[in-house]
């Protein structure tokens, strides 16, 4: 295989891996702090993509600006959902297992509502737009500006999220809550505030991912489910509650998928993803990085 072809495969894997990492970090943050299984995460990506699309096509708002607007809009949705639904449930749930099962059902209902509402408002037609599609070359590898932009934004946001958790007092409080909820509350950590903050941040990252994906992928009301599945695969790769693991797992899955597709067929991408998922479950159930690094 030629060196240029190898570099092209690696670059494509890193680009999609960065998006996967962004998606998974937001989902894992919500699970780690609140023990909520957000299977509507992909629908938030879908909503972020649609908001970006309509802002651009109707009002000429650049996706560069939409990144901020969509993230804020998604965080607002997160605030409403968290405040009205999940804070009362967390307060009344008798155990983490009950909370997880209840959250699974609630988020399933939300995913159905979001996807069908989008279909009702905007029809099921496939939509898309052209933005920053010029091609440039790095070491002979053709890259489009929009994909490189998406990769850089995703990586920067993921790194900032990791630094937030590692270097700030708020991050230390979040990690303490992830590791031991009861003990963290006994030492005075405001669990309610951290729940809301983590929930809104996770929703904002999902909306941002939708904004980035809309620049080079098709948009439909039912595009969210595959990304929800990808997020859970990445989380299993990196370890539940492990933010650093999600970051690394996203890049790993992106690379493995791209390499596998290049050697086989694009139609086998879901099979490759699920095969990786099953293999990790069998060989290392706690994920490649376990739960030791947050």
Foldseek 3Di string as FASTA:
>chain_A
DDPLVVVQLLVQLLLQLLLLLLLQLLQLLLCLQQVARQLLLLLLLLVLLVVLVCCCPPVNDDLVVSLVVLLVVLLVVLLVCCVPPPVVVSVPDPDSVSSHVVNVVVNVVVNVVSLVVCCVVPNFDKDADADQQDWDDDPRHTDGPLSVVSSVVSVVVLVVVQCCLVPDPLNVLSVVSSVPVVVSVVVPRPSVVSSSVSSSNSSSSSSSSSSSCRNPDIHGSPRRNVSSVSSVLQCQQQFRSASVSSSVSSSVLSSQLSVVCVVPNVVCSVVSSVVSSVVSCVPPRRHPNRNPHD
